[in-house]
Amino acid sequence: MSYKSNLLMLNNVEYWINIPLEENTIISRVNADDEYGDYEDTDIVVVWETAVQPLTDIQRLIFLTLTILVAFVSVVGNSLVLYVNISRKQRFLFRACLISLAISDLIFVAVTSCIYLSKFSTANSAVWILGPAACSFLPFFQTLAVLVNSILLVCIALDRYMAVVRVIKGSWEPSKLFTITCCIIIWGFSAGVSSPLLSIYDYLKIYIVPLPEPDDENPQLTYYVQYLCGSDKAENGYFFAIIFSFIFAPLLITFLWLNSVLAKEVWKRRIDVASSISEAENTSTSQATPGLRAQDAYVSPEISARRAERRQRQVRMFKVILVLMAVFFVCRLPNWIYTLYKLGNIVQDNFFWVVNYALGIVVMANCMLNPFLYTFLSETIRLTTIFAGIICGVCTPCVKLFKCQTSRKEEIQGNDGEKSHSIE
């Protein structure tokens, strides 16, 4: 062991610090405003303390609060999904997809919240405090959960497509063996694709040097040791580019296409129901022809009510499909695009770190919304309708009052104008 004198730069001022290093150790020195990632052939990294503090205290507090809230709702919601779908009587394929979806959501939320909580709870939010094993396994499980989640959402869309568009709901009932085999293949395929992450990430030792006081002419620099969990940008970039190009992008296109066709079919049936209701009303109100019996020209209120209710359900389902497409698109695509951008560019400003963590929380929010959009869809629609009614009930009197006040002011201004005109 020998002490080596290392040069650090700060505002064009040279600082030297002695750090105990092994012989022939390759060192990477980072200035105060430089990025700390991507050290090829580097054994030791020496950085200023500001290089590992990319977030302000307020930003860390906001992200910490959001992570806790989203993780709590996600864990509770997906745990209820597991409980409900185990006992619920539905088609086995649909139940198996929902159960696997909930498990993948729980894995992703658990892993991501564990990483984020460890980072947001300390000022040095760029360092890794979870140990070398977690540095390899947590990114693996995170990517595994994302792949399984995306594939299962496409499977659910395909199941609805086969059941509704192809009009084979009665015969579309895959066996339990087929369903279990498909689930095993999905999880196995995702694990195999994610397996390179077990060796891509490195647990890197760094020496962190606190900034000297501005008025200290002869500062005595100190240091402390922490660790990073990082990977080679080129290698990591190739990996995620391949996944996005050959897996996620086709899944996104397939998901949007299936739901678009399904939405088109639902809207078409809604128009057919609306036209049948209109024809029935016209028939019931028109005069009967000599050859037409009265009971044939009459449509009972119960039948009309059922048709209207069916039309409302189809309109509601059309809106739900649009929401599913929007949530999948908004919550997942921006995060993938930013991941690819980050791997090909230098990301060192506070803005990019905020975007990085914000998009991660958005993906967690997607896991939080899945139970409400798939398993508890009816309850979600009912509560949303009630909430919208309450909001409308509160806002309507305010809008009417505002309109009355506005019209009153206009009337007063008009009267004042007439008075001034008559005086002239």
Protein backbone atom coordinates (compact mmCIF):
# COMPACT_ATOMS: atom_id res chain seq x y z
CA MET A 1 0.00 0.00 0.00
CA SER A 2 1.36 3.44 -0.94
CA TYR A 3 0.05 6.98 -0.87
CA LYS A 4 -0.41 8.64 -4.23
CA SER A 5 -0.89 12.35 -4.70
CA ASN A 6 -3.92 13.03 -6.91
CA LEU A 7 -4.82 16.23 -8.68
CA LEU A 8 -8.35 17.66 -8.55
CA MET A 9 -9.52 20.82 -10.29
CA LEU A 10 -12.10 23.29 -8.98
CA ASN A 11 -12.77 26.61 -10.71
CA ASN A 12 -9.41 26.37 -12.51
CA VAL A 13 -7.63 25.89 -9.19
CA GLU A 14 -5.47 22.81 -8.60
CA TYR A 15 -5.95 20.75 -5.42
CA TRP A 16 -3.85 17.78 -4.37
CA ILE A 17 -4.82 14.95 -2.04
CA ASN A 18 -2.94 11.86 -0.86
CA ILE A 19 -4.99 8.66 -1.09
CA PRO A 20 -3.78 5.16 -0.18
CA LEU A 21 -3.82 3.05 -3.34
CA GLU A 22 -2.39 -0.23 -4.48
CA GLU A 23 0.47 -0.16 -6.94
CA ASN A 24 -0.47 0.06 -10.64
CA THR A 25 -3.97 1.27 -9.78
CA ILE A 26 -5.71 3.07 -12.64
CA ILE A 27 -7.30 6.30 -11.41
CA SER A 28 -10.07 8.44 -12.86
CA ARG A 29 -10.22 12.02 -11.59
CA VAL A 30 -13.44 13.98 -11.92
CA ASN A 31 -13.80 17.74 -11.66
CA ALA A 32 -16.56 19.35 -9.64
CA ASP A 33 -18.87 19.85 -12.62
CA ASP A 34 -18.10 16.65 -14.52
CA GLU A 35 -20.19 13.53 -14.85
CA TYR A 36 -19.14 10.71 -12.55
CA GLY A 37 -20.28 7.77 -14.71
CA ASP A 38 -18.66 5.61 -17.39
CA TYR A 39 -15.11 4.86 -16.29
CA GLU A 40 -13.50 2.41 -18.69
CA ASP A 41 -10.53 0.47 -17.32
CA THR A 42 -10.77 2.36 -14.03
CA ASP A 43 -10.13 0.81 -10.63
CA ILE A 44 -10.50 3.91 -8.47
CA VAL A 45 -12.52 7.09 -8.91
CA VAL A 46 -11.70 10.32 -7.07
CA VAL A 47 -14.51 12.90 -7.14
CA TRP A 48 -15.56 16.08 -5.48
CA GLU A 49 -18.53 15.65 -3.15
CA THR A 50 -20.78 17.78 -5.37
CA ALA A 51 -20.40 15.21 -8.16
CA VAL A 52 -22.42 12.67 -6.16
CA GLN A 53 -25.07 15.17 -5.00
CA PRO A 54 -27.12 15.82 -8.17
CA LEU A 55 -30.37 16.66 -6.32
CA THR A 56 -31.27 19.44 -3.91
CA ASP A 57 -32.75 18.67 -0.49
CA ILE A 58 -36.21 19.81 -1.59
CA GLN A 59 -36.09 17.63 -4.70
CA ARG A 60 -35.03 14.61 -2.66
CA LEU A 61 -37.88 15.22 -0.20
CA ILE A 62 -40.45 15.50 -3.00
CA PHE A 63 -39.23 12.34 -4.73
CA LEU A 64 -39.05 10.48 -1.42
CA THR A 65 -42.67 11.39 -0.61
CA LEU A 66 -43.93 10.45 -4.08
CA THR A 67 -42.05 7.14 -4.00
CA ILE A 68 -43.55 6.18 -0.63
CA LEU A 69 -47.11 7.11 -1.67
CA VAL A 70 -46.97 5.39 -5.07
CA ALA A 71 -45.28 2.29 -3.63
CA PHE A 72 -47.85 2.00 -0.84
CA VAL A 73 -50.86 2.26 -3.16
CA SER A 74 -49.23 -0.14 -5.64
CA VAL A 75 -48.49 -2.79 -3.03
CA VAL A 76 -52.00 -2.59 -1.54
CA GLY A 77 -53.73 -2.58 -4.94
CA ASN A 78 -51.76 -5.44 -6.45
CA SER A 79 -52.03 -7.51 -3.26
CA LEU A 80 -55.82 -7.15 -3.50
CA VAL A 81 -55.58 -8.23 -7.15
CA LEU A 82 -53.89 -11.46 -6.09
CA TYR A 83 -56.52 -12.12 -3.42
CA VAL A 84 -59.50 -11.32 -5.65
CA ASN A 85 -58.38 -13.22 -8.75
CA ILE A 86 -57.48 -16.37 -6.85
CA SER A 87 -61.08 -16.68 -5.63
CA ARG A 88 -62.95 -14.96 -8.48
CA LYS A 89 -64.80 -17.09 -11.05
CA GLN A 90 -63.56 -15.93 -14.45
CA ARG A 91 -61.93 -17.39 -17.50
CA PHE A 92 -58.68 -19.02 -16.38
CA LEU A 93 -56.56 -17.27 -19.02
CA PHE A 94 -57.73 -13.82 -17.97
CA ARG A 95 -57.20 -14.61 -14.28
CA ALA A 96 -53.73 -16.00 -14.91
CA CYS A 97 -52.74 -12.87 -16.84
CA LEU A 98 -54.01 -10.59 -14.08
CA ILE A 99 -52.20 -12.59 -11.39
CA SER A 100 -48.92 -12.57 -13.33
CA LEU A 101 -49.40 -8.87 -14.05
CA ALA A 102 -49.85 -8.15 -10.34
CA ILE A 103 -46.73 -10.18 -9.46
CA SER A 104 -44.63 -8.30 -12.03
CA ASP A 105 -45.99 -4.98 -10.73
CA LEU A 106 -45.08 -5.93 -7.17
CA ILE A 107 -41.56 -6.95 -8.22
CA PHE A 108 -40.96 -3.73 -10.13
CA VAL A 109 -42.36 -1.50 -7.39
CA ALA A 110 -40.42 -3.32 -4.67
CA VAL A 111 -37.12 -3.12 -6.55
CA THR A 112 -37.53 0.46 -7.79
CA SER A 113 -38.75 1.81 -4.46
CA CYS A 114 -35.86 0.06 -2.69
CA ILE A 115 -33.37 1.76 -5.02
CA TYR A 116 -35.07 5.16 -4.85
CA LEU A 117 -35.53 5.18 -1.09
CA SER A 118 -31.85 4.38 -0.60
CA LYS A 119 -30.89 7.27 -2.88
CA PHE A 120 -33.37 9.91 -1.72
CA SER A 121 -32.66 9.29 1.97
CA THR A 122 -29.07 10.55 1.69
CA ALA A 123 -27.48 13.70 0.29
CA ASN A 124 -25.12 11.61 -1.85
CA SER A 125 -28.00 10.32 -3.95
CA ALA A 126 -25.73 9.19 -6.78
CA VAL A 127 -23.86 6.58 -4.71
CA TRP A 128 -24.90 2.95 -4.18
CA ILE A 129 -25.41 1.81 -0.60
CA LEU A 130 -27.18 -1.52 -1.16
CA GLY A 131 -24.08 -3.66 -1.63
CA PRO A 132 -22.48 -5.56 -4.54
CA ALA A 133 -25.10 -8.32 -4.79
CA ALA A 134 -27.95 -5.84 -5.14
CA CYS A 135 -25.94 -3.99 -7.81
CA SER A 136 -26.27 -7.06 -10.05
CA PHE A 137 -29.65 -8.50 -9.08
CA LEU A 138 -31.84 -5.40 -8.69
CA PRO A 139 -31.39 -4.15 -12.30
CA PHE A 140 -32.04 -7.72 -13.48
CA PHE A 141 -35.34 -8.02 -11.59
CA GLN A 142 -36.33 -4.49 -12.61
CA THR A 143 -35.93 -5.25 -16.32
CA LEU A 144 -37.52 -8.69 -15.89
CA ALA A 145 -40.64 -7.14 -14.35
CA VAL A 146 -40.91 -4.50 -17.09
CA LEU A 147 -40.69 -7.11 -19.87
CA VAL A 148 -43.21 -9.46 -18.23
CA ASN A 149 -45.54 -6.55 -17.57
CA SER A 150 -45.44 -5.33 -21.16
CA ILE A 151 -45.95 -8.80 -22.63
CA LEU A 152 -48.89 -9.54 -20.32
CA LEU A 153 -50.65 -6.29 -21.21
CA VAL A 154 -50.45 -7.32 -24.86
CA CYS A 155 -51.78 -10.79 -23.94
CA ILE A 156 -54.76 -9.22 -22.15
CA ALA A 157 -55.45 -7.04 -25.19
CA LEU A 158 -55.20 -10.11 -27.44
CA ASP A 159 -57.59 -12.03 -25.19
CA ARG A 160 -60.16 -9.24 -25.44
CA TYR A 161 -59.64 -9.05 -29.18
CA MET A 162 -60.31 -12.78 -29.59
CA ALA A 163 -63.33 -12.65 -27.27
CA VAL A 164 -65.02 -9.53 -28.67
CA VAL A 165 -63.91 -8.81 -32.20
CA ARG A 166 -63.86 -12.42 -33.38
CA VAL A 167 -67.16 -13.05 -31.60
CA ILE A 168 -66.03 -16.38 -30.24
CA LYS A 169 -66.43 -15.63 -26.54
CA GLY A 170 -68.17 -18.91 -25.94
CA SER A 171 -65.49 -20.99 -27.66
CA TRP A 172 -62.41 -18.91 -26.73
CA GLU A 173 -61.44 -20.77 -23.60
CA PRO A 174 -57.80 -21.96 -23.64
CA SER A 175 -57.07 -24.88 -21.36
CA LYS A 176 -55.30 -24.52 -18.02
CA LEU A 177 -52.29 -26.41 -19.33
CA PHE A 178 -51.96 -24.03 -22.28
CA THR A 179 -52.34 -20.99 -20.03
CA ILE A 180 -49.78 -22.17 -17.46
CA THR A 181 -47.34 -23.08 -20.23
CA CYS A 182 -47.68 -19.62 -21.78
CA CYS A 183 -47.06 -17.94 -18.41
CA ILE A 184 -43.94 -20.04 -17.83
CA ILE A 185 -42.67 -19.18 -21.33
CA ILE A 186 -43.27 -15.46 -20.76
CA TRP A 187 -41.41 -15.43 -17.44
CA GLY A 188 -38.61 -17.64 -18.77
CA PHE A 189 -38.17 -15.57 -21.92
CA SER A 190 -38.06 -12.33 -19.93
CA ALA A 191 -35.55 -13.79 -17.47
CA GLY A 192 -33.33 -14.96 -20.31
CA VAL A 193 -33.41 -11.58 -22.03
CA SER A 194 -32.64 -9.77 -18.75
CA SER A 195 -29.82 -12.13 -17.72
CA PRO A 196 -26.97 -10.05 -19.28
CA LEU A 197 -27.64 -7.41 -16.63
CA LEU A 198 -26.28 -9.81 -14.01
CA SER A 199 -22.79 -9.21 -15.42
CA ILE A 200 -23.05 -5.75 -17.00
CA TYR A 201 -23.14 -3.71 -13.79
CA ASP A 202 -19.98 -3.18 -11.72
CA TYR A 203 -19.60 -2.28 -8.06
CA LEU A 204 -17.06 0.55 -8.19
CA LYS A 205 -15.17 2.07 -5.25
CA ILE A 206 -14.89 5.87 -5.16
CA TYR A 207 -13.05 8.38 -2.99
CA ILE A 208 -15.24 11.40 -2.27
CA VAL A 209 -13.51 14.68 -1.41
CA PRO A 210 -15.58 17.43 0.31
CA LEU A 211 -15.20 20.88 -1.23
CA PRO A 212 -12.72 23.20 0.54
CA GLU A 213 -13.88 26.41 2.17
CA PRO A 214 -13.78 29.37 -0.25
CA ASP A 215 -11.71 31.53 2.12
CA ASP A 216 -9.25 28.79 3.06
CA GLU A 217 -5.93 29.62 1.39
CA ASN A 218 -4.24 26.34 2.31
CA PRO A 219 -6.99 23.72 2.63
CA GLN A 220 -6.33 20.29 4.08
CA LEU A 221 -8.43 18.02 1.90
CA THR A 222 -10.06 14.94 3.41
CA TYR A 223 -11.89 12.07 1.80
CA TYR A 224 -14.28 9.23 2.55
CA VAL A 225 -15.06 6.04 0.65
CA GLN A 226 -18.35 5.04 -0.96
CA TYR A 227 -19.42 2.96 -3.96
CA LEU A 228 -21.10 3.31 -7.33
CA CYS A 229 -23.19 0.83 -9.28
CA GLY A 230 -22.50 1.51 -12.93
CA SER A 231 -21.88 -0.07 -16.29
CA ASP A 232 -20.10 0.63 -19.52
CA LYS A 233 -22.33 2.97 -21.52
CA ALA A 234 -21.62 1.34 -24.87
CA GLU A 235 -22.37 -2.17 -23.63
CA ASN A 236 -25.46 -1.06 -21.74
CA GLY A 237 -26.60 1.02 -24.70
CA TYR A 238 -26.43 -1.93 -27.10
CA PHE A 239 -28.40 -4.07 -24.67
CA PHE A 240 -31.29 -1.65 -24.18
CA ALA A 241 -31.32 -0.62 -27.85
CA ILE A 242 -31.82 -4.26 -28.84
CA ILE A 243 -34.57 -4.74 -26.25
CA PHE A 244 -36.38 -1.59 -27.38
CA SER A 245 -36.07 -2.35 -31.10
CA PHE A 246 -36.96 -6.05 -31.08
CA ILE A 247 -39.21 -6.40 -28.02
CA PHE A 248 -40.71 -3.22 -26.60
CA ALA A 249 -41.43 -1.38 -29.87
CA PRO A 250 -43.25 -4.40 -31.43
CA LEU A 251 -45.18 -4.88 -28.18
CA LEU A 252 -46.19 -1.21 -28.16
CA ILE A 253 -47.36 -1.35 -31.78
CA THR A 254 -49.26 -4.61 -31.18
CA PHE A 255 -50.93 -3.23 -28.04
CA LEU A 256 -52.05 -0.06 -29.79
CA TRP A 257 -53.28 -1.98 -32.87
CA LEU A 258 -55.30 -4.53 -30.90
CA ASN A 259 -56.95 -1.87 -28.76
CA SER A 260 -57.59 0.35 -31.78
CA VAL A 261 -59.40 -2.47 -33.57
CA LEU A 262 -61.31 -3.28 -30.39
CA ALA A 263 -62.29 0.37 -29.88
CA LYS A 264 -63.45 0.60 -33.50
CA GLU A 265 -65.60 -2.51 -33.09
CA VAL A 266 -67.14 -1.26 -29.84
CA TRP A 267 -67.93 2.12 -31.39
CA LYS A 268 -69.48 0.41 -34.43
CA ARG A 269 -71.77 -1.66 -32.22
CA ARG A 270 -72.69 1.47 -30.28
CA ILE A 271 -73.84 3.10 -33.54
CA ASP A 272 -75.83 -0.03 -34.45
CA VAL A 273 -77.56 0.00 -31.06
CA ALA A 274 -78.30 3.71 -31.35
CA SER A 275 -79.85 3.25 -34.81
CA SER A 276 -81.97 0.33 -33.58
CA ILE A 277 -83.27 2.43 -30.69
CA SER A 278 -84.13 5.26 -33.06
CA GLU A 279 -85.95 2.89 -35.42
CA ALA A 280 -87.87 1.37 -32.53
CA GLU A 281 -88.97 4.78 -31.31
CA ASN A 282 -90.05 5.83 -34.79
CA THR A 283 -92.01 2.61 -35.21
CA SER A 284 -93.77 2.99 -31.87
CA THR A 285 -94.80 6.60 -32.56
CA SER A 286 -95.88 6.20 -36.19
CA GLN A 287 -99.33 5.20 -37.27
CA ALA A 288 -99.82 1.48 -37.79
CA THR A 289 -100.34 0.33 -41.37
CA PRO A 290 -103.36 -1.82 -42.18
CA GLY A 291 -101.28 -5.01 -42.22
CA LEU A 292 -99.32 -4.24 -39.03
CA ARG A 293 -100.51 -5.39 -35.66
CA ALA A 294 -100.44 -2.98 -32.73
CA GLN A 295 -98.29 -5.23 -30.58
CA ASP A 296 -95.64 -5.40 -33.36
CA ALA A 297 -95.49 -1.61 -33.55
CA TYR A 298 -95.10 -1.24 -29.81
CA VAL A 299 -91.69 -1.41 -28.08
CA SER A 300 -91.90 -1.75 -24.31
CA PRO A 301 -90.06 0.79 -22.12
CA GLU A 302 -88.06 -2.06 -20.57
CA ILE A 303 -86.59 -3.08 -23.95
CA SER A 304 -85.77 0.54 -24.80
CA ALA A 305 -84.13 1.00 -21.40
CA ARG A 306 -82.02 -2.15 -21.85
CA ARG A 307 -80.92 -1.00 -25.29
CA ALA A 308 -80.01 2.44 -23.96
CA GLU A 309 -78.09 0.88 -21.09
CA ARG A 310 -76.23 -1.37 -23.51
CA ARG A 311 -75.34 1.66 -25.62
CA GLN A 312 -74.01 3.47 -22.53
CA ARG A 313 -71.90 0.45 -21.59
CA GLN A 314 -70.37 0.33 -25.05
CA VAL A 315 -69.59 4.06 -24.99
CA ARG A 316 -68.03 3.59 -21.55
CA MET A 317 -65.96 0.65 -22.78
CA PHE A 318 -64.81 2.72 -25.76
CA LYS A 319 -63.54 5.41 -23.39
CA VAL A 320 -61.87 2.80 -21.18
CA ILE A 321 -59.97 1.37 -24.16
CA LEU A 322 -58.73 4.84 -25.07
CA VAL A 323 -57.57 5.35 -21.47
CA LEU A 324 -55.72 2.01 -21.48
CA MET A 325 -53.91 2.98 -24.68
CA ALA A 326 -53.02 6.43 -23.34
CA VAL A 327 -51.72 5.09 -20.01
CA PHE A 328 -49.57 2.45 -21.69
CA PHE A 329 -48.18 5.01 -24.15
CA VAL A 330 -47.54 7.84 -21.66
CA CYS A 331 -46.18 5.78 -18.78
CA ARG A 332 -43.75 3.57 -20.69
CA LEU A 333 -42.57 5.10 -23.96
CA PRO A 334 -41.02 8.31 -22.50
CA ASN A 335 -38.99 6.29 -20.00
CA TRP A 336 -37.60 4.02 -22.73
CA ILE A 337 -36.74 6.97 -24.98
CA TYR A 338 -34.97 8.76 -22.13
CA THR A 339 -33.07 5.59 -21.23
CA LEU A 340 -31.74 5.32 -24.77
CA TYR A 341 -30.90 9.03 -24.83
CA LYS A 342 -29.10 8.81 -21.49
CA LEU A 343 -26.94 5.93 -22.65
CA GLY A 344 -25.81 7.83 -25.73
CA ASN A 345 -25.27 11.27 -24.22
CA ILE A 346 -23.63 12.91 -21.22
CA VAL A 347 -26.21 13.47 -18.49
CA GLN A 348 -24.83 15.65 -15.72
CA ASP A 349 -27.20 18.59 -15.14
CA ASN A 350 -29.72 18.67 -12.33
CA PHE A 351 -32.53 18.80 -14.90
CA PHE A 352 -31.62 15.43 -16.39
CA TRP A 353 -31.45 13.80 -12.97
CA VAL A 354 -34.89 15.17 -12.09
CA VAL A 355 -36.30 13.85 -15.39
CA ASN A 356 -34.66 10.47 -14.80
CA TYR A 357 -36.23 9.94 -11.38
CA ALA A 358 -39.56 11.50 -12.40
CA LEU A 359 -39.96 9.07 -15.31
CA GLY A 360 -39.09 6.17 -13.00
CA ILE A 361 -41.88 7.22 -10.64
CA VAL A 362 -44.25 7.51 -13.63
CA VAL A 363 -43.56 3.85 -14.48
CA MET A 364 -44.26 2.99 -10.83
CA ALA A 365 -47.53 4.92 -11.18
CA ASN A 366 -48.40 2.68 -14.12
CA CYS A 367 -48.03 -0.32 -11.80
CA MET A 368 -50.26 1.50 -9.34
CA LEU A 369 -52.97 2.10 -11.98
CA ASN A 370 -53.03 -1.43 -13.43
CA PRO A 371 -55.25 -2.89 -10.67
CA PHE A 372 -57.81 -0.12 -11.18
CA LEU A 373 -57.77 -0.41 -14.98
CA TYR A 374 -58.00 -4.20 -15.23
CA THR A 375 -59.15 -6.06 -12.10
CA PHE A 376 -61.27 -3.34 -10.45
CA LEU A 377 -62.46 -1.66 -13.64
CA SER A 378 -66.17 -1.62 -12.73
CA GLU A 379 -65.46 -0.17 -9.29
CA THR A 380 -63.14 2.42 -10.82
CA ILE A 381 -65.79 3.52 -13.33
CA ARG A 382 -68.42 3.73 -10.59
CA LEU A 383 -66.22 5.81 -8.27
CA THR A 384 -65.08 8.02 -11.14
CA THR A 385 -68.70 8.69 -12.10
CA ILE A 386 -69.60 9.56 -8.52
CA PHE A 387 -66.57 11.83 -8.18
CA ALA A 388 -67.34 13.56 -11.48
CA GLY A 389 -70.93 14.09 -10.34
CA ILE A 390 -69.74 15.67 -7.09
CA ILE A 391 -67.35 17.96 -8.96
CA CYS A 392 -70.09 18.99 -11.39
CA GLY A 393 -72.50 19.58 -8.51
CA VAL A 394 -70.02 21.85 -6.80
CA CYS A 395 -68.87 23.70 -9.91
CA THR A 396 -72.29 24.25 -11.55
CA PRO A 397 -73.61 26.77 -8.96
CA CYS A 398 -70.29 28.63 -9.09
CA VAL A 399 -70.46 28.84 -12.89
CA LYS A 400 -74.07 30.04 -12.77
CA LEU A 401 -73.18 32.65 -10.15
CA PHE A 402 -70.25 33.85 -12.24
CA LYS A 403 -72.46 34.13 -15.34
CA CYS A 404 -75.10 36.05 -13.38
CA GLN A 405 -72.51 38.46 -12.02
CA THR A 406 -71.02 38.94 -15.48
CA SER A 407 -74.39 39.60 -17.08
CA ARG A 408 -75.29 41.97 -14.23
CA LYS A 409 -72.08 43.95 -14.75
CA GLU A 410 -72.73 44.14 -18.49
CA GLU A 411 -76.27 45.34 -17.82
CA ILE A 412 -75.04 48.02 -15.41
CA GLN A 413 -72.37 49.15 -17.86
CA GLY A 414 -74.99 49.31 -20.61
CA ASN A 415 -77.33 51.43 -18.44
CA ASP A 416 -74.47 53.77 -17.53
CA GLY A 417 -73.65 54.18 -21.22
CA GLU A 418 -77.27 55.05 -22.03
CA LYS A 419 -77.39 57.62 -19.20
CA SER A 420 -74.21 59.32 -20.32
CA HIS A 421 -75.50 59.41 -23.89
CA SER A 422 -78.80 61.02 -22.81
CA ILE A 423 -76.96 63.67 -20.75
CA GLU A 424 -74.83 64.61 -23.72
